[in-house]
Amino acid sequence: MNLKEHIKPYSKSVVKLLKGTVNRNDNVWDDVLFYRKEIAEYISLLGLELIVREDDGYAFVKQFIIDEDNNTLGLVSRRAIGFEVSVVLVILRQILEEFENNPIEFQGTIKYILLEDLKDEIERFLPQKYNTVQFLKDLDTYINKIIDYGYLKKVSGEDENPKYIIHKIIKDKVSLDTLNDFKNQLEAYVKSI
């Protein structure tokens, strides 16, 4: 049996999707769009769903939930994200939501944010009792993790106030319900200390 006979024209796209997000500028993007139906059918056998956000320029796979306990087949690994990184993700998600829903500010499809603006948002977001000084001191570490996850991209500056793009995939990964739940949990946590 020759295994090469089983390779499909979209096989490379499937492999790339299994590794992470495929963006508009990736060499397999056109194949993902062209073979969307075939890829979706193929990966559904693995308990995965193809999500394509053509207007926003990205695609990824999402696991099917197979029971009422939100279990999946476990093919796609879940990342344990620390509290501080979660705070930054939630703030970025909120910033993107406000950007897209504000007709005055919405002048393009890409949301840029400067480091200083992100720091200001964090200071407004975190409750007064929280150790904001330490959080901001370690912010570069949290931002680098978020860049590694593919939710932020540094576009300028090795200076003290670099500019970032907030990747729209964050909308699919951090839902509005998650955003509200996290805010409520943070408030409850701060009240308990």
N, C-alpha and C. Protein backbone atom coordinates (compact mmCIF):
# COMPACT_ATOMS: atom_id res chain seq x y z
N MET A 1 0.84 -1.19 0.00
CA MET A 1 0.00 0.00 0.00
C MET A 1 0.89 1.25 0.00
N ASN A 2 0.66 2.12 -0.93
CA ASN A 2 1.42 3.34 -1.05
C ASN A 2 0.68 4.47 -0.32
N LEU A 3 1.28 4.98 0.75
CA LEU A 3 0.63 6.03 1.54
C LEU A 3 0.48 7.33 0.77
N LYS A 4 1.35 7.58 -0.19
CA LYS A 4 1.26 8.81 -0.98
C LYS A 4 -0.07 8.92 -1.72
N GLU A 5 -0.67 7.79 -2.00
CA GLU A 5 -1.97 7.79 -2.70
C GLU A 5 -3.07 8.41 -1.84
N HIS A 6 -2.87 8.42 -0.53
CA HIS A 6 -3.89 8.93 0.39
C HIS A 6 -3.74 10.43 0.68
N ILE A 7 -2.64 11.01 0.25
CA ILE A 7 -2.44 12.44 0.49
C ILE A 7 -3.36 13.24 -0.42
N LYS A 8 -4.09 14.14 0.19
CA LYS A 8 -5.05 14.98 -0.53
C LYS A 8 -4.41 16.34 -0.83
N PRO A 9 -4.97 17.10 -1.76
CA PRO A 9 -4.42 18.42 -2.06
C PRO A 9 -4.51 19.38 -0.87
N TYR A 10 -5.35 19.06 0.10
CA TYR A 10 -5.53 19.92 1.27
C TYR A 10 -4.86 19.35 2.52
N SER A 11 -4.10 18.28 2.39
CA SER A 11 -3.47 17.64 3.55
C SER A 11 -2.56 18.59 4.32
N LYS A 12 -1.78 19.38 3.60
CA LYS A 12 -0.89 20.35 4.25
C LYS A 12 -1.69 21.37 5.06
N SER A 13 -2.83 21.76 4.53
CA SER A 13 -3.70 22.71 5.24
C SER A 13 -4.23 22.11 6.53
N VAL A 14 -4.61 20.84 6.48
CA VAL A 14 -5.12 20.17 7.68
C VAL A 14 -4.04 20.11 8.75
N VAL A 15 -2.82 19.76 8.35
CA VAL A 15 -1.72 19.69 9.31
C VAL A 15 -1.49 21.05 9.95
N LYS A 16 -1.47 22.09 9.13
CA LYS A 16 -1.25 23.45 9.65
C LYS A 16 -2.37 23.85 10.61
N LEU A 17 -3.62 23.52 10.29
CA LEU A 17 -4.75 23.82 11.16
C LEU A 17 -4.66 23.06 12.49
N LEU A 18 -4.18 21.83 12.44
CA LEU A 18 -4.04 21.05 13.67
C LEU A 18 -2.96 21.63 14.58
N LYS A 19 -2.02 22.35 13.99
CA LYS A 19 -0.95 22.97 14.78
C LYS A 19 -1.35 24.32 15.36
N GLY A 20 -2.37 24.96 14.77
CA GLY A 20 -2.78 26.27 15.27
C GLY A 20 -3.56 27.06 14.25
N THR A 21 -3.59 28.33 14.43
CA THR A 21 -4.36 29.23 13.57
C THR A 21 -3.67 29.40 12.22
N VAL A 22 -4.47 29.41 11.17
CA VAL A 22 -3.99 29.74 9.82
C VAL A 22 -4.46 31.15 9.51
N ASN A 23 -3.53 32.01 9.15
CA ASN A 23 -3.84 33.41 8.84
C ASN A 23 -3.83 33.65 7.34
N ARG A 24 -4.43 34.76 6.96
CA ARG A 24 -4.54 35.13 5.55
C ARG A 24 -3.19 35.11 4.83
N ASN A 25 -2.13 35.46 5.52
CA ASN A 25 -0.81 35.53 4.87
C ASN A 25 -0.06 34.19 4.87
N ASP A 26 -0.65 33.12 5.44
CA ASP A 26 -0.03 31.79 5.41
C ASP A 26 -0.16 31.19 4.01
N ASN A 27 0.83 30.36 3.64
CA ASN A 27 0.83 29.80 2.29
C ASN A 27 -0.30 28.80 2.04
N VAL A 28 -0.98 28.33 3.08
CA VAL A 28 -2.09 27.38 2.88
C VAL A 28 -3.46 28.05 2.94
N TRP A 29 -3.51 29.35 3.13
CA TRP A 29 -4.78 30.07 3.29
C TRP A 29 -5.73 29.82 2.11
N ASP A 30 -5.23 29.96 0.90
CA ASP A 30 -6.08 29.77 -0.28
C ASP A 30 -6.63 28.35 -0.35
N ASP A 31 -5.81 27.37 0.05
CA ASP A 31 -6.29 25.98 0.07
C ASP A 31 -7.38 25.78 1.12
N VAL A 32 -7.22 26.43 2.27
CA VAL A 32 -8.26 26.33 3.32
C VAL A 32 -9.59 26.84 2.77
N LEU A 33 -9.55 27.96 2.06
CA LEU A 33 -10.78 28.51 1.49
C LEU A 33 -11.33 27.62 0.38
N PHE A 34 -10.47 27.17 -0.51
CA PHE A 34 -10.91 26.38 -1.66
C PHE A 34 -11.44 25.01 -1.25
N TYR A 35 -10.77 24.37 -0.30
CA TYR A 35 -11.15 23.01 0.13
C TYR A 35 -11.90 23.02 1.47
N ARG A 36 -12.53 24.12 1.78
CA ARG A 36 -13.21 24.27 3.07
C ARG A 36 -14.13 23.09 3.39
N LYS A 37 -14.96 22.71 2.44
CA LYS A 37 -15.93 21.62 2.66
C LYS A 37 -15.21 20.30 2.91
N GLU A 38 -14.22 20.00 2.09
CA GLU A 38 -13.48 18.74 2.23
C GLU A 38 -12.73 18.68 3.56
N ILE A 39 -12.10 19.79 3.93
CA ILE A 39 -11.36 19.84 5.20
C ILE A 39 -12.33 19.66 6.36
N ALA A 40 -13.47 20.35 6.31
CA ALA A 40 -14.46 20.23 7.38
C ALA A 40 -14.95 18.79 7.54
N GLU A 41 -15.22 18.13 6.43
CA GLU A 41 -15.66 16.73 6.49
C GLU A 41 -14.58 15.83 7.06
N TYR A 42 -13.35 16.04 6.63
CA TYR A 42 -12.24 15.20 7.08
C TYR A 42 -12.00 15.35 8.58
N ILE A 43 -11.89 16.58 9.05
CA ILE A 43 -11.56 16.77 10.46
C ILE A 43 -12.74 16.46 11.38
N SER A 44 -13.95 16.44 10.83
CA SER A 44 -15.10 16.08 11.67
C SER A 44 -14.98 14.64 12.15
N LEU A 45 -14.27 13.79 11.40
CA LEU A 45 -14.02 12.41 11.82
C LEU A 45 -13.17 12.36 13.08
N LEU A 46 -12.44 13.43 13.34
CA LEU A 46 -11.57 13.52 14.51
C LEU A 46 -12.24 14.28 15.66
N GLY A 47 -13.51 14.65 15.47
CA GLY A 47 -14.21 15.41 16.50
C GLY A 47 -13.88 16.88 16.49
N LEU A 48 -13.50 17.39 15.32
CA LEU A 48 -13.12 18.79 15.18
C LEU A 48 -14.03 19.51 14.20
N GLU A 49 -14.16 20.81 14.42
CA GLU A 49 -14.95 21.67 13.54
C GLU A 49 -14.03 22.73 12.95
N LEU A 50 -14.16 22.98 11.67
CA LEU A 50 -13.39 24.03 11.01
C LEU A 50 -14.12 25.35 11.17
N ILE A 51 -13.42 26.34 11.70
CA ILE A 51 -13.96 27.70 11.83
C ILE A 51 -13.14 28.59 10.90
N VAL A 52 -13.80 29.22 9.93
CA VAL A 52 -13.13 30.13 9.00
C VAL A 52 -13.77 31.50 9.13
N ARG A 53 -12.98 32.48 9.45
CA ARG A 53 -13.42 33.88 9.51
C ARG A 53 -12.74 34.60 8.33
N GLU A 54 -13.34 34.42 7.17
CA GLU A 54 -12.73 34.92 5.94
C GLU A 54 -12.55 36.43 5.97
N ASP A 55 -13.55 37.17 6.44
CA ASP A 55 -13.45 38.63 6.49
C ASP A 55 -12.33 39.10 7.41
N ASP A 56 -12.11 38.35 8.49
CA ASP A 56 -11.07 38.72 9.45
C ASP A 56 -9.72 38.09 9.13
N GLY A 57 -9.70 37.13 8.19
CA GLY A 57 -8.45 36.58 7.71
C GLY A 57 -7.82 35.50 8.57
N TYR A 58 -8.61 34.62 9.17
CA TYR A 58 -8.03 33.52 9.92
C TYR A 58 -8.97 32.33 9.95
N ALA A 59 -8.38 31.17 10.23
CA ALA A 59 -9.14 29.92 10.36
C ALA A 59 -8.48 29.09 11.46
N PHE A 60 -9.28 28.27 12.13
CA PHE A 60 -8.75 27.39 13.16
C PHE A 60 -9.71 26.23 13.35
N VAL A 61 -9.29 25.24 14.13
CA VAL A 61 -10.17 24.11 14.43
C VAL A 61 -10.60 24.19 15.88
N LYS A 62 -11.79 23.70 16.11
CA LYS A 62 -12.39 23.72 17.44
C LYS A 62 -12.92 22.32 17.71
N GLN A 63 -12.78 21.88 18.95
CA GLN A 63 -13.23 20.54 19.31
C GLN A 63 -14.73 20.49 19.52
N PHE A 64 -15.34 19.38 19.09
CA PHE A 64 -16.75 19.14 19.40
C PHE A 64 -16.87 18.82 20.88
N ILE A 65 -17.92 19.29 21.49
CA ILE A 65 -18.25 18.86 22.85
C ILE A 65 -19.09 17.60 22.70
N ILE A 66 -18.67 16.53 23.38
CA ILE A 66 -19.32 15.23 23.15
C ILE A 66 -20.30 14.82 24.24
N ASP A 67 -20.35 15.59 25.33
CA ASP A 67 -21.33 15.26 26.37
C ASP A 67 -21.69 16.51 27.17
N GLU A 68 -22.60 16.35 28.12
CA GLU A 68 -23.09 17.50 28.89
C GLU A 68 -22.06 18.04 29.88
N ASP A 69 -20.95 17.31 30.08
CA ASP A 69 -19.89 17.78 30.97
C ASP A 69 -18.82 18.58 30.21
N ASN A 70 -19.12 18.94 28.97
CA ASN A 70 -18.20 19.70 28.11
C ASN A 70 -16.91 18.95 27.79
N ASN A 71 -16.95 17.64 27.80
CA ASN A 71 -15.79 16.84 27.43
C ASN A 71 -15.65 16.81 25.91
N THR A 72 -14.40 16.64 25.47
CA THR A 72 -14.10 16.51 24.05
C THR A 72 -13.28 15.23 23.86
N LEU A 73 -12.95 14.92 22.62
CA LEU A 73 -12.09 13.76 22.37
C LEU A 73 -10.66 14.03 22.83
N GLY A 74 -10.30 15.29 22.99
CA GLY A 74 -9.00 15.64 23.55
C GLY A 74 -7.86 15.74 22.55
N LEU A 75 -8.17 15.85 21.26
CA LEU A 75 -7.11 15.94 20.26
C LEU A 75 -6.36 17.27 20.35
N VAL A 76 -7.09 18.36 20.50
CA VAL A 76 -6.47 19.67 20.59
C VAL A 76 -6.18 19.95 22.06
N SER A 77 -4.92 20.25 22.36
CA SER A 77 -4.56 20.47 23.76
C SER A 77 -5.08 21.82 24.25
N ARG A 78 -5.46 21.83 25.50
CA ARG A 78 -5.88 23.08 26.13
C ARG A 78 -4.70 23.63 26.91
N ARG A 79 -4.56 24.93 26.87
CA ARG A 79 -3.45 25.57 27.56
C ARG A 79 -3.92 26.07 28.92
N ALA A 80 -3.10 25.82 29.91
CA ALA A 80 -3.38 26.41 31.21
C ALA A 80 -2.85 27.83 31.17
N ILE A 81 -3.75 28.77 31.34
CA ILE A 81 -3.37 30.18 31.27
C ILE A 81 -3.47 30.74 32.68
N GLY A 82 -2.40 31.36 33.13
CA GLY A 82 -2.37 31.92 34.48
C GLY A 82 -3.34 33.08 34.64
N PHE A 83 -3.57 33.44 35.88
CA PHE A 83 -4.52 34.50 36.21
C PHE A 83 -4.16 35.81 35.53
N GLU A 84 -2.90 36.19 35.62
CA GLU A 84 -2.48 37.49 35.09
C GLU A 84 -2.64 37.56 33.57
N VAL A 85 -2.26 36.48 32.89
CA VAL A 85 -2.43 36.43 31.43
C VAL A 85 -3.92 36.49 31.09
N SER A 86 -4.73 35.81 31.89
CA SER A 86 -6.19 35.85 31.67
C SER A 86 -6.72 37.27 31.80
N VAL A 87 -6.22 38.01 32.77
CA VAL A 87 -6.64 39.41 32.94
C VAL A 87 -6.34 40.21 31.68
N VAL A 88 -5.12 40.07 31.16
CA VAL A 88 -4.74 40.82 29.96
C VAL A 88 -5.59 40.39 28.77
N LEU A 89 -5.84 39.09 28.62
CA LEU A 89 -6.68 38.60 27.53
C LEU A 89 -8.09 39.19 27.61
N VAL A 90 -8.64 39.20 28.80
CA VAL A 90 -9.99 39.75 28.98
C VAL A 90 -10.02 41.23 28.64
N ILE A 91 -8.99 41.95 29.05
CA ILE A 91 -8.93 43.39 28.74
C ILE A 91 -8.79 43.60 27.23
N LEU A 92 -7.95 42.81 26.58
CA LEU A 92 -7.80 42.93 25.12
C LEU A 92 -9.11 42.62 24.41
N ARG A 93 -9.81 41.61 24.90
CA ARG A 93 -11.11 41.24 24.31
C ARG A 93 -12.11 42.38 24.46
N GLN A 94 -12.10 43.00 25.63
CA GLN A 94 -13.01 44.12 25.89
C GLN A 94 -12.66 45.31 24.99
N ILE A 95 -11.38 45.59 24.83
CA ILE A 95 -10.94 46.69 23.96
C ILE A 95 -11.39 46.44 22.52
N LEU A 96 -11.22 45.21 22.05
CA LEU A 96 -11.63 44.87 20.69
C LEU A 96 -13.14 45.00 20.52
N GLU A 97 -13.89 44.56 21.51
CA GLU A 97 -15.35 44.67 21.46
C GLU A 97 -15.79 46.14 21.38
N GLU A 98 -15.19 46.99 22.20
CA GLU A 98 -15.52 48.42 22.18
C GLU A 98 -15.13 49.04 20.84
N PHE A 99 -14.00 48.66 20.29
CA PHE A 99 -13.54 49.16 19.00
C PHE A 99 -14.53 48.83 17.89
N GLU A 100 -14.99 47.59 17.87
CA GLU A 100 -15.88 47.14 16.80
C GLU A 100 -17.30 47.68 16.95
N ASN A 101 -17.68 48.06 18.15
CA ASN A 101 -19.05 48.55 18.38
C ASN A 101 -19.14 50.06 18.49
N ASN A 102 -18.05 50.76 18.27
CA ASN A 102 -18.04 52.21 18.34
C ASN A 102 -17.88 52.77 16.93
N PRO A 103 -18.98 53.25 16.33
CA PRO A 103 -18.91 53.72 14.93
C PRO A 103 -17.98 54.91 14.74
N ILE A 104 -17.74 55.67 15.78
CA ILE A 104 -16.84 56.82 15.66
C ILE A 104 -15.40 56.34 15.60
N GLU A 105 -15.07 55.37 16.44
CA GLU A 105 -13.70 54.86 16.49
C GLU A 105 -13.43 53.85 15.38
N PHE A 106 -14.45 53.16 14.94
CA PHE A 106 -14.28 52.08 13.96
C PHE A 106 -13.99 52.66 12.58
N GLN A 107 -12.71 52.88 12.32
CA GLN A 107 -12.31 53.45 11.04
C GLN A 107 -11.54 52.46 10.19
N GLY A 108 -11.36 51.26 10.67
CA GLY A 108 -10.64 50.23 9.94
C GLY A 108 -10.99 48.88 10.51
N THR A 109 -10.29 47.88 10.04
CA THR A 109 -10.59 46.53 10.52
C THR A 109 -9.56 46.02 11.50
N ILE A 110 -8.51 46.78 11.72
CA ILE A 110 -7.44 46.35 12.62
C ILE A 110 -7.40 47.27 13.83
N LYS A 111 -7.34 46.66 15.01
CA LYS A 111 -7.24 47.44 16.24
C LYS A 111 -5.80 47.41 16.73
N TYR A 112 -5.21 48.59 16.79
CA TYR A 112 -3.86 48.76 17.32
C TYR A 112 -3.97 49.25 18.75
N ILE A 113 -2.99 48.88 19.56
CA ILE A 113 -2.94 49.40 20.92
C ILE A 113 -1.48 49.63 21.30
N LEU A 114 -1.24 50.76 21.94
CA LEU A 114 0.08 51.06 22.46
C LEU A 114 0.21 50.48 23.86
N LEU A 115 1.42 50.16 24.25
CA LEU A 115 1.65 49.58 25.58
C LEU A 115 1.11 50.50 26.68
N GLU A 116 1.34 51.79 26.55
CA GLU A 116 0.86 52.74 27.58
C GLU A 116 -0.66 52.72 27.68
N ASP A 117 -1.35 52.61 26.55
CA ASP A 117 -2.81 52.53 26.57
C ASP A 117 -3.28 51.25 27.24
N LEU A 118 -2.58 50.15 26.99
CA LEU A 118 -2.92 48.89 27.64
C LEU A 118 -2.73 48.99 29.15
N LYS A 119 -1.64 49.63 29.56
CA LYS A 119 -1.40 49.83 31.00
C LYS A 119 -2.52 50.65 31.63
N ASP A 120 -2.96 51.69 30.93
CA ASP A 120 -4.08 52.50 31.44
C ASP A 120 -5.34 51.67 31.61
N GLU A 121 -5.62 50.83 30.61
CA GLU A 121 -6.81 49.96 30.68
C GLU A 121 -6.70 48.97 31.84
N ILE A 122 -5.52 48.44 32.06
CA ILE A 122 -5.32 47.50 33.17
C ILE A 122 -5.56 48.20 34.50
N GLU A 123 -5.03 49.41 34.65
CA GLU A 123 -5.23 50.15 35.90
C GLU A 123 -6.70 50.44 36.15
N ARG A 124 -7.45 50.72 35.09
CA ARG A 124 -8.90 50.96 35.25
C ARG A 124 -9.65 49.67 35.55
N PHE A 125 -9.17 48.57 34.99
CA PHE A 125 -9.86 47.29 35.11
C PHE A 125 -9.67 46.65 36.49
N LEU A 126 -8.43 46.65 36.96
CA LEU A 126 -8.14 45.97 38.22
C LEU A 126 -8.73 46.73 39.41
N PRO A 127 -9.30 46.01 40.35
CA PRO A 127 -9.86 46.65 41.55
C PRO A 127 -8.76 47.33 42.37
N GLN A 128 -9.15 48.28 43.19
CA GLN A 128 -8.18 49.07 43.96
C GLN A 128 -7.32 48.23 44.90
N LYS A 129 -7.88 47.17 45.45
CA LYS A 129 -7.13 46.36 46.41
C LYS A 129 -6.07 45.48 45.74
N TYR A 130 -6.13 45.36 44.43
CA TYR A 130 -5.20 44.48 43.73
C TYR A 130 -3.83 45.14 43.61
N ASN A 131 -2.76 44.35 43.62
CA ASN A 131 -1.39 44.85 43.52
C ASN A 131 -1.06 45.20 42.06
N THR A 132 -1.53 46.34 41.64
CA THR A 132 -1.38 46.78 40.25
C THR A 132 0.08 47.06 39.90
N VAL A 133 0.85 47.58 40.86
CA VAL A 133 2.25 47.92 40.60
C VAL A 133 3.02 46.67 40.17
N GLN A 134 2.87 45.58 40.91
CA GLN A 134 3.56 44.33 40.56
C GLN A 134 3.06 43.78 39.22
N PHE A 135 1.76 43.88 39.00
CA PHE A 135 1.17 43.40 37.75
C PHE A 135 1.80 44.12 36.56
N LEU A 136 1.89 45.44 36.63
CA LEU A 136 2.45 46.22 35.52
C LEU A 136 3.95 45.97 35.35
N LYS A 137 4.63 45.69 36.46
CA LYS A 137 6.06 45.39 36.40
C LYS A 137 6.31 44.12 35.58
N ASP A 138 5.41 43.14 35.69
CA ASP A 138 5.56 41.87 34.99
C ASP A 138 4.79 41.81 33.67
N LEU A 139 4.23 42.94 33.23
CA LEU A 139 3.36 42.96 32.06
C LEU A 139 4.04 42.45 30.79
N ASP A 140 5.31 42.77 30.60
CA ASP A 140 6.01 42.30 29.39
C ASP A 140 6.00 40.77 29.29
N THR A 141 6.14 40.10 30.42
CA THR A 141 6.10 38.63 30.43
C THR A 141 4.74 38.14 29.97
N TYR A 142 3.67 38.75 30.48
CA TYR A 142 2.31 38.34 30.11
C TYR A 142 2.05 38.62 28.63
N ILE A 143 2.51 39.77 28.15
CA ILE A 143 2.32 40.13 26.75
C ILE A 143 3.05 39.14 25.84
N ASN A 144 4.26 38.75 26.21
CA ASN A 144 5.01 37.79 25.39
C ASN A 144 4.29 36.45 25.30
N LYS A 145 3.67 36.02 26.39
CA LYS A 145 2.89 34.78 26.34
C LYS A 145 1.70 34.93 25.40
N ILE A 146 1.05 36.07 25.44
CA ILE A 146 -0.12 36.31 24.58
C ILE A 146 0.31 36.39 23.11
N ILE A 147 1.48 36.94 22.85
CA ILE A 147 2.03 36.94 21.49
C ILE A 147 2.28 35.50 21.04
N ASP A 148 2.84 34.68 21.94
CA ASP A 148 3.09 33.27 21.61
C ASP A 148 1.78 32.53 21.31
N TYR A 149 0.70 32.88 21.99
CA TYR A 149 -0.60 32.25 21.75
C TYR A 149 -1.24 32.73 20.45
N GLY A 150 -0.73 33.85 19.89
CA GLY A 150 -1.24 34.35 18.62
C GLY A 150 -2.36 35.36 18.74
N TYR A 151 -2.56 35.93 19.93
CA TYR A 151 -3.64 36.90 20.13
C TYR A 151 -3.17 38.34 19.99
N LEU A 152 -1.88 38.57 20.04
CA LEU A 152 -1.29 39.90 19.88
C LEU A 152 -0.11 39.77 18.92
N LYS A 153 0.15 40.86 18.21
CA LYS A 153 1.33 40.89 17.34
C LYS A 153 1.99 42.25 17.52
N LYS A 154 3.27 42.23 17.81
CA LYS A 154 4.02 43.48 17.95
C LYS A 154 4.33 44.00 16.56
N VAL A 155 3.96 45.25 16.29
CA VAL A 155 4.16 45.79 14.95
C VAL A 155 5.18 46.92 14.90
N SER A 156 5.50 47.49 16.03
CA SER A 156 6.51 48.55 16.00
C SER A 156 7.15 48.71 17.35
N GLY A 157 8.37 49.10 17.28
CA GLY A 157 9.02 49.61 18.46
C GLY A 157 9.75 48.63 19.34
N GLU A 158 10.99 48.95 19.51
CA GLU A 158 11.77 48.35 20.58
C GLU A 158 11.87 49.41 21.68
N ASP A 159 11.13 50.48 21.49
CA ASP A 159 11.16 51.57 22.45
C ASP A 159 10.30 51.24 23.67
N GLU A 160 10.06 52.24 24.48
CA GLU A 160 9.33 52.03 25.73
C GLU A 160 7.82 51.93 25.53
N ASN A 161 7.32 52.29 24.35
CA ASN A 161 5.88 52.26 24.11
C ASN A 161 5.57 51.58 22.77
N PRO A 162 5.82 50.26 22.69
CA PRO A 162 5.57 49.56 21.42
C PRO A 162 4.09 49.50 21.07
N LYS A 163 3.83 49.28 19.79
CA LYS A 163 2.47 49.16 19.27
C LYS A 163 2.19 47.71 18.93
N TYR A 164 0.94 47.28 19.23
CA TYR A 164 0.52 45.91 18.99
C TYR A 164 -0.78 45.89 18.19
N ILE A 165 -1.00 44.79 17.46
CA ILE A 165 -2.29 44.52 16.83
C ILE A 165 -2.98 43.47 17.68
N ILE A 166 -4.26 43.71 17.99
CA ILE A 166 -5.06 42.71 18.69
C ILE A 166 -5.68 41.83 17.61
N HIS A 167 -5.31 40.55 17.61
CA HIS A 167 -5.81 39.60 16.60
C HIS A 167 -7.27 39.26 16.90
N LYS A 168 -8.09 39.28 15.88
CA LYS A 168 -9.53 39.07 16.07
C LYS A 168 -9.90 37.66 16.50
N ILE A 169 -8.98 36.72 16.43
CA ILE A 169 -9.28 35.37 16.90
C ILE A 169 -9.62 35.38 18.39
N ILE A 170 -9.20 36.41 19.07
CA ILE A 170 -9.50 36.51 20.50
C ILE A 170 -11.01 36.52 20.74
N LYS A 171 -11.79 36.98 19.74
CA LYS A 171 -13.26 36.97 19.88
C LYS A 171 -13.79 35.55 19.95
N ASP A 172 -13.16 34.64 19.22
CA ASP A 172 -13.60 33.24 19.23
C ASP A 172 -13.09 32.50 20.46
N LYS A 173 -11.99 32.93 21.00
CA LYS A 173 -11.39 32.24 22.14
C LYS A 173 -11.88 32.79 23.48
N VAL A 174 -12.22 34.06 23.52
CA VAL A 174 -12.72 34.69 24.75
C VAL A 174 -14.09 35.28 24.42
N SER A 175 -15.13 34.55 24.75
CA SER A 175 -16.49 35.00 24.43
C SER A 175 -16.93 36.13 25.37
N LEU A 176 -18.01 36.80 25.01
CA LEU A 176 -18.54 37.84 25.87
C LEU A 176 -19.00 37.27 27.21
N ASP A 177 -19.53 36.05 27.19
CA ASP A 177 -19.92 35.40 28.44
C ASP A 177 -18.70 35.17 29.33
N THR A 178 -17.62 34.71 28.72
CA THR A 178 -16.38 34.51 29.47
C THR A 178 -15.90 35.82 30.05
N LEU A 179 -15.98 36.88 29.26
CA LEU A 179 -15.57 38.20 29.70
C LEU A 179 -16.35 38.63 30.93
N ASN A 180 -17.67 38.51 30.89
CA ASN A 180 -18.50 38.90 32.03
C ASN A 180 -18.28 38.00 33.24
N ASP A 181 -18.16 36.69 33.01
CA ASP A 181 -17.89 35.76 34.12
C ASP A 181 -16.58 36.11 34.81
N PHE A 182 -15.57 36.41 34.02
CA PHE A 182 -14.26 36.72 34.59
C PHE A 182 -14.33 37.99 35.43
N LYS A 183 -15.02 39.01 34.93
CA LYS A 183 -15.16 40.26 35.70
C LYS A 183 -15.84 39.98 37.04
N ASN A 184 -16.90 39.18 37.01
CA ASN A 184 -17.62 38.86 38.24
C ASN A 184 -16.74 38.08 39.21
N GLN A 185 -15.97 37.12 38.70
CA GLN A 185 -15.08 36.34 39.56
C GLN A 185 -13.99 37.22 40.16
N LEU A 186 -13.48 38.16 39.37
CA LEU A 186 -12.44 39.06 39.87
C LEU A 186 -12.99 39.93 40.98
N GLU A 187 -14.19 40.46 40.80
CA GLU A 187 -14.81 41.28 41.85
C GLU A 187 -15.02 40.47 43.12
N ALA A 188 -15.49 39.23 42.98
CA ALA A 188 -15.70 38.37 44.14
C ALA A 188 -14.38 38.06 44.84
N TYR A 189 -13.33 37.84 44.06
CA TYR A 189 -12.02 37.55 44.63
C TYR A 189 -11.51 38.75 45.44
N VAL A 190 -11.62 39.94 44.87
CA VAL A 190 -11.12 41.13 45.54
C VAL A 190 -11.90 41.39 46.83
N LYS A 191 -13.20 41.16 46.82
CA LYS A 191 -14.01 41.34 48.03
C LYS A 191 -13.59 40.36 49.12
N SER A 192 -13.08 39.19 48.72
CA SER A 192 -12.72 38.17 49.70
C SER A 192 -11.37 38.44 50.37
N ILE A 193 -10.55 39.32 49.77
CA ILE A 193 -9.23 39.58 50.38
C ILE A 193 -9.24 40.82 51.23
